[in-house]
Amino acid sequence: AELVFDDCEVPEDNVMGPLNGGVE
């Protein structure tokens, strides 16, 4: 299915891995 994000608020604690390091 498709996922829809419409002003979806995500806590900073839910960043996994390094910021801007998602490609790795």
PDB file of all heavy atoms in Angstrom:
ATOM      1  N   ALA A   1       0.825  -1.205   0.000  1.00  0.00           N
ATOM      2  CA  ALA A   1       0.000   0.000   0.000  1.00  0.00           C
ATOM      3  C   ALA A   1       0.861   1.259   0.000  1.00  0.00           C
ATOM      4  O   ALA A   1       2.089   1.211   0.113  1.00  0.00           O
ATOM      5  CB  ALA A   1      -0.939  -0.004   1.212  1.00  0.00           C
ATOM      6  N   GLU A   2       0.184   2.361  -0.119  1.00  0.00           N
ATOM      7  CA  GLU A   2       0.774   3.695  -0.051  1.00  0.00           C
ATOM      8  C   GLU A   2       0.755   4.186   1.393  1.00  0.00           C
ATOM      9  O   GLU A   2      -0.172   3.887   2.149  1.00  0.00           O
ATOM     10  CB  GLU A   2      -0.051   4.632  -0.933  1.00  0.00           C
ATOM     11  CG  GLU A   2       0.358   6.087  -0.906  1.00  0.00           C
ATOM     12  CD  GLU A   2      -0.628   6.966  -1.662  1.00  0.00           C
ATOM     13  OE1 GLU A   2      -1.837   6.652  -1.659  1.00  0.00           O
ATOM     14  OE2 GLU A   2      -0.185   7.973  -2.252  1.00  0.00           O
ATOM     15  N   LEU A   3       1.774   4.929   1.783  1.00  0.00           N
ATOM     16  CA  LEU A   3       1.803   5.610   3.071  1.00  0.00           C
ATOM     17  C   LEU A   3       1.647   7.108   2.832  1.00  0.00           C
ATOM     18  O   LEU A   3       2.262   7.658   1.921  1.00  0.00           O
ATOM     19  CB  LEU A   3       3.125   5.363   3.807  1.00  0.00           C
ATOM     20  CG  LEU A   3       3.567   3.918   4.030  1.00  0.00           C
ATOM     21  CD1 LEU A   3       4.897   3.905   4.784  1.00  0.00           C
ATOM     22  CD2 LEU A   3       2.517   3.123   4.784  1.00  0.00           C
ATOM     23  N   VAL A   4       0.838   7.756   3.664  1.00  0.00           N
ATOM     24  CA  VAL A   4       0.592   9.193   3.520  1.00  0.00           C
ATOM     25  C   VAL A   4       1.026   9.904   4.800  1.00  0.00           C
ATOM     26  O   VAL A   4       0.616   9.512   5.906  1.00  0.00           O
ATOM     27  CB  VAL A   4      -0.905   9.477   3.240  1.00  0.00           C
ATOM     28  CG1 VAL A   4      -1.148  10.984   3.143  1.00  0.00           C
ATOM     29  CG2 VAL A   4      -1.349   8.773   1.958  1.00  0.00           C
ATOM     30  N   PHE A   5       1.858  10.932   4.639  1.00  0.00           N
ATOM     31  CA  PHE A   5       2.319  11.752   5.756  1.00  0.00           C
ATOM     32  C   PHE A   5       1.828  13.178   5.538  1.00  0.00           C
ATOM     33  O   PHE A   5       2.243  13.846   4.583  1.00  0.00           O
ATOM     34  CB  PHE A   5       3.844  11.723   5.852  1.00  0.00           C
ATOM     35  CG  PHE A   5       4.410  10.346   6.081  1.00  0.00           C
ATOM     36  CD1 PHE A   5       4.671   9.505   5.009  1.00  0.00           C
ATOM     37  CD2 PHE A   5       4.657   9.890   7.359  1.00  0.00           C
ATOM     38  CE1 PHE A   5       5.189   8.232   5.212  1.00  0.00           C
ATOM     39  CE2 PHE A   5       5.168   8.616   7.575  1.00  0.00           C
ATOM     40  CZ  PHE A   5       5.430   7.790   6.495  1.00  0.00           C
ATOM     41  N   ASP A   6       0.936  13.625   6.398  1.00  0.00           N
ATOM     42  CA  ASP A   6       0.344  14.956   6.284  1.00  0.00           C
ATOM     43  C   ASP A   6       0.578  15.693   7.597  1.00  0.00           C
ATOM     44  O   ASP A   6      -0.180  15.567   8.545  1.00  0.00           O
ATOM     45  CB  ASP A   6      -1.160  14.828   5.985  1.00  0.00           C
ATOM     46  CG  ASP A   6      -1.841  16.175   5.755  1.00  0.00           C
ATOM     47  OD1 ASP A   6      -1.130  17.191   5.668  1.00  0.00           O
ATOM     48  OD2 ASP A   6      -3.089  16.189   5.683  1.00  0.00           O
ATOM     49  N   ASP A   7       1.685  16.439   7.642  1.00  0.00           N
ATOM     50  CA  ASP A   7       2.119  17.068   8.887  1.00  0.00           C
ATOM     51  C   ASP A   7       2.226  16.035  10.004  1.00  0.00           C
ATOM     52  O   ASP A   7       1.755  16.242  11.130  1.00  0.00           O
ATOM     53  CB  ASP A   7       1.167  18.205   9.298  1.00  0.00           C
ATOM     54  CG  ASP A   7       1.367  19.465   8.465  1.00  0.00           C
ATOM     55  OD1 ASP A   7       2.460  19.635   7.892  1.00  0.00           O
ATOM     56  OD2 ASP A   7       0.422  20.271   8.389  1.00  0.00           O
ATOM     57  N   CYS A   8       2.855  14.904   9.677  1.00  0.00           N
ATOM     58  CA  CYS A   8       3.045  13.824  10.652  1.00  0.00           C
ATOM     59  C   CYS A   8       4.151  14.215  11.629  1.00  0.00           C
ATOM     60  O   CYS A   8       5.297  14.463  11.219  1.00  0.00           O
ATOM     61  CB  CYS A   8       3.402  12.526   9.939  1.00  0.00           C
ATOM     62  SG  CYS A   8       3.807  11.169  11.059  1.00  0.00           S
ATOM     63  N   GLU A   9       3.807  14.263  12.911  1.00  0.00           N
ATOM     64  CA  GLU A   9       4.757  14.691  13.928  1.00  0.00           C
ATOM     65  C   GLU A   9       5.488  13.481  14.511  1.00  0.00           C
ATOM     66  O   GLU A   9       4.877  12.557  15.036  1.00  0.00           O
ATOM     67  CB  GLU A   9       4.029  15.452  15.039  1.00  0.00           C
ATOM     68  CG  GLU A   9       3.356  16.721  14.536  1.00  0.00           C
ATOM     69  CD  GLU A   9       2.681  17.497  15.650  1.00  0.00           C
ATOM     70  OE1 GLU A   9       2.795  17.067  16.828  1.00  0.00           O
ATOM     71  OE2 GLU A   9       2.057  18.523  15.355  1.00  0.00           O
ATOM     72  N   VAL A  10       6.822  13.522  14.412  1.00  0.00           N
ATOM     73  CA  VAL A  10       7.656  12.409  14.861  1.00  0.00           C
ATOM     74  C   VAL A  10       8.661  12.927  15.890  1.00  0.00           C
ATOM     75  O   VAL A  10       9.424  13.851  15.598  1.00  0.00           O
ATOM     76  CB  VAL A  10       8.417  11.778  13.676  1.00  0.00           C
ATOM     77  CG1 VAL A  10       9.237  10.580  14.142  1.00  0.00           C
ATOM     78  CG2 VAL A  10       7.448  11.369  12.576  1.00  0.00           C
ATOM     79  N   PRO A  11       8.692  12.373  17.091  1.00  0.00           N
ATOM     80  CA  PRO A  11       9.646  12.842  18.103  1.00  0.00           C
ATOM     81  C   PRO A  11      11.088  12.704  17.623  1.00  0.00           C
ATOM     82  O   PRO A  11      11.431  11.767  16.891  1.00  0.00           O
ATOM     83  CB  PRO A  11       9.377  11.927  19.301  1.00  0.00           C
ATOM     84  CG  PRO A  11       7.991  11.403  19.087  1.00  0.00           C
ATOM     85  CD  PRO A  11       7.818  11.293  17.604  1.00  0.00           C
ATOM     86  N   GLU A  12      11.927  13.621  18.066  1.00  0.00           N
ATOM     87  CA  GLU A  12      13.339  13.573  17.710  1.00  0.00           C
ATOM     88  C   GLU A  12      13.978  12.257  18.152  1.00  0.00           C
ATOM     89  O   GLU A  12      14.909  11.762  17.517  1.00  0.00           O
ATOM     90  CB  GLU A  12      14.073  14.752  18.346  1.00  0.00           C
ATOM     91  CG  GLU A  12      15.498  14.936  17.892  1.00  0.00           C
ATOM     92  CD  GLU A  12      16.106  16.212  18.434  1.00  0.00           C
ATOM     93  OE1 GLU A  12      15.475  16.861  19.292  1.00  0.00           O
ATOM     94  OE2 GLU A  12      17.214  16.560  17.996  1.00  0.00           O
ATOM     95  N   ASP A  13      13.454  11.655  19.222  1.00  0.00           N
ATOM     96  CA  ASP A  13      13.977  10.387  19.709  1.00  0.00           C
ATOM     97  C   ASP A  13      13.768   9.248  18.711  1.00  0.00           C
ATOM     98  O   ASP A  13      14.365   8.181  18.855  1.00  0.00           O
ATOM     99  CB  ASP A  13      13.293  10.006  21.029  1.00  0.00           C
ATOM    100  CG  ASP A  13      13.746  10.869  22.198  1.00  0.00           C
ATOM    101  OD1 ASP A  13      14.778  11.556  22.057  1.00  0.00           O
ATOM    102  OD2 ASP A  13      13.065  10.860  23.248  1.00  0.00           O
ATOM    103  N   ASN A  14      12.918   9.463  17.721  1.00  0.00           N
ATOM    104  CA  ASN A  14      12.646   8.427  16.726  1.00  0.00           C
ATOM    105  C   ASN A  14      13.532   8.519  15.496  1.00  0.00           C
ATOM    106  O   ASN A  14      13.321   7.790  14.527  1.00  0.00           O
ATOM    107  CB  ASN A  14      11.172   8.465  16.313  1.00  0.00           C
ATOM    108  CG  ASN A  14      10.261   7.834  17.348  1.00  0.00           C
ATOM    109  OD1 ASN A  14      10.379   8.094  18.536  1.00  0.00           O
ATOM    110  ND2 ASN A  14       9.345   6.993  16.909  1.00  0.00           N
ATOM    111  N   VAL A  15      14.522   9.388  15.526  1.00  0.00           N
ATOM    112  CA  VAL A  15      15.552   9.367  14.486  1.00  0.00           C
ATOM    113  C   VAL A  15      16.439   8.153  14.737  1.00  0.00           C
ATOM    114  O   VAL A  15      16.955   7.964  15.840  1.00  0.00           O
ATOM    115  CB  VAL A  15      16.396  10.652  14.502  1.00  0.00           C
ATOM    116  CG1 VAL A  15      17.603  10.525  13.566  1.00  0.00           C
ATOM    117  CG2 VAL A  15      15.548  11.848  14.103  1.00  0.00           C
ATOM    118  N   MET A  16      16.601   7.317  13.719  1.00  0.00           N
ATOM    119  CA  MET A  16      17.412   6.103  13.869  1.00  0.00           C
ATOM    120  C   MET A  16      18.692   6.264  13.057  1.00  0.00           C
ATOM    121  O   MET A  16      18.638   6.512  11.843  1.00  0.00           O
ATOM    122  CB  MET A  16      16.639   4.871  13.388  1.00  0.00           C
ATOM    123  CG  MET A  16      17.361   3.565  13.705  1.00  0.00           C
ATOM    124  SD  MET A  16      16.385   2.101  13.310  1.00  0.00           S
ATOM    125  CE  MET A  16      16.620   2.000  11.523  1.00  0.00           C
ATOM    126  N   GLY A  17      19.831   6.129  13.715  1.00  0.00           N
ATOM    127  CA  GLY A  17      21.096   6.343  13.028  1.00  0.00           C
ATOM    128  C   GLY A  17      21.416   7.827  12.946  1.00  0.00           C
ATOM    129  O   GLY A  17      20.692   8.669  13.485  1.00  0.00           O
ATOM    130  N   PRO A  18      22.480   8.172  12.236  1.00  0.00           N
ATOM    131  CA  PRO A  18      22.911   9.569  12.200  1.00  0.00           C
ATOM    132  C   PRO A  18      21.987  10.458  11.375  1.00  0.00           C
ATOM    133  O   PRO A  18      21.431  10.029  10.363  1.00  0.00           O
ATOM    134  CB  PRO A  18      24.306   9.489  11.563  1.00  0.00           C
ATOM    135  CG  PRO A  18      24.300   8.216  10.787  1.00  0.00           C
ATOM    136  CD  PRO A  18      23.406   7.275  11.522  1.00  0.00           C
ATOM    137  N   LEU A  19      21.816  11.699  11.821  1.00  0.00           N
ATOM    138  CA  LEU A  19      21.083  12.693  11.047  1.00  0.00           C
ATOM    139  C   LEU A  19      21.793  12.902   9.706  1.00  0.00           C
ATOM    140  O   LEU A  19      23.022  13.035   9.654  1.00  0.00           O
ATOM    141  CB  LEU A  19      21.029  14.020  11.813  1.00  0.00           C
ATOM    142  CG  LEU A  19      20.254  15.158  11.145  1.00  0.00           C
ATOM    143  CD1 LEU A  19      18.767  14.820  11.033  1.00  0.00           C
ATOM    144  CD2 LEU A  19      20.461  16.464  11.926  1.00  0.00           C
ATOM    145  N   ASN A  20      21.027  12.875   8.634  1.00  0.00           N
ATOM    146  CA  ASN A  20      21.546  12.989   7.266  1.00  0.00           C
ATOM    147  C   ASN A  20      22.454  11.813   6.876  1.00  0.00           C
ATOM    148  O   ASN A  20      23.197  11.901   5.895  1.00  0.00           O
ATOM    149  CB  ASN A  20      22.291  14.317   7.055  1.00  0.00           C
ATOM    150  CG  ASN A  20      21.364  15.519   7.151  1.00  0.00           C
ATOM    151  OD1 ASN A  20      20.228  15.460   6.692  1.00  0.00           O
ATOM    152  ND2 ASN A  20      21.844  16.593   7.764  1.00  0.00           N
ATOM    153  N   GLY A  21      22.371  10.750   7.638  1.00  0.00           N
ATOM    154  CA  GLY A  21      23.156   9.555   7.319  1.00  0.00           C
ATOM    155  C   GLY A  21      22.299   8.410   6.821  1.00  0.00           C
ATOM    156  O   GLY A  21      22.710   7.243   6.884  1.00  0.00           O
ATOM    157  N   GLY A  22      21.124   8.735   6.322  1.00  0.00           N
ATOM    158  CA  GLY A  22      20.184   7.710   5.901  1.00  0.00           C
ATOM    159  C   GLY A  22      20.645   6.877   4.726  1.00  0.00           C
ATOM    160  O   GLY A  22      20.257   5.713   4.595  1.00  0.00           O
ATOM    161  N   VAL A  23      21.470   7.455   3.852  1.00  0.00           N
ATOM    162  CA  VAL A  23      21.943   6.696   2.698  1.00  0.00           C
ATOM    163  C   VAL A  23      22.794   5.504   3.150  1.00  0.00           C
ATOM    164  O   VAL A  23      22.669   4.402   2.606  1.00  0.00           O
ATOM    165  CB  VAL A  23      22.740   7.598   1.733  1.00  0.00           C
ATOM    166  CG1 VAL A  23      23.550   6.770   0.754  1.00  0.00           C
ATOM    167  CG2 VAL A  23      21.789   8.491   0.951  1.00  0.00           C
ATOM    168  N   GLU A  24      23.629   5.720   4.145  1.00  0.00           N
ATOM    169  CA  GLU A  24      24.446   4.610   4.662  1.00  0.00           C
ATOM    170  C   GLU A  24      23.554   3.533   5.270  1.00  0.00           C
ATOM    171  O   GLU A  24      23.763   2.335   5.048  1.00  0.00           O
ATOM    172  CB  GLU A  24      25.430   5.120   5.707  1.00  0.00           C
ATOM    173  CG  GLU A  24      26.333   4.021   6.256  1.00  0.00           C
ATOM    174  CD  GLU A  24      27.227   4.498   7.380  1.00  0.00           C
ATOM    175  OE1 GLU A  24      27.179   5.688   7.729  1.00  0.00           O
ATOM    176  OE2 GLU A  24      27.979   3.661   7.923  1.00  0.00           O
TER     177      GLU A  24
END
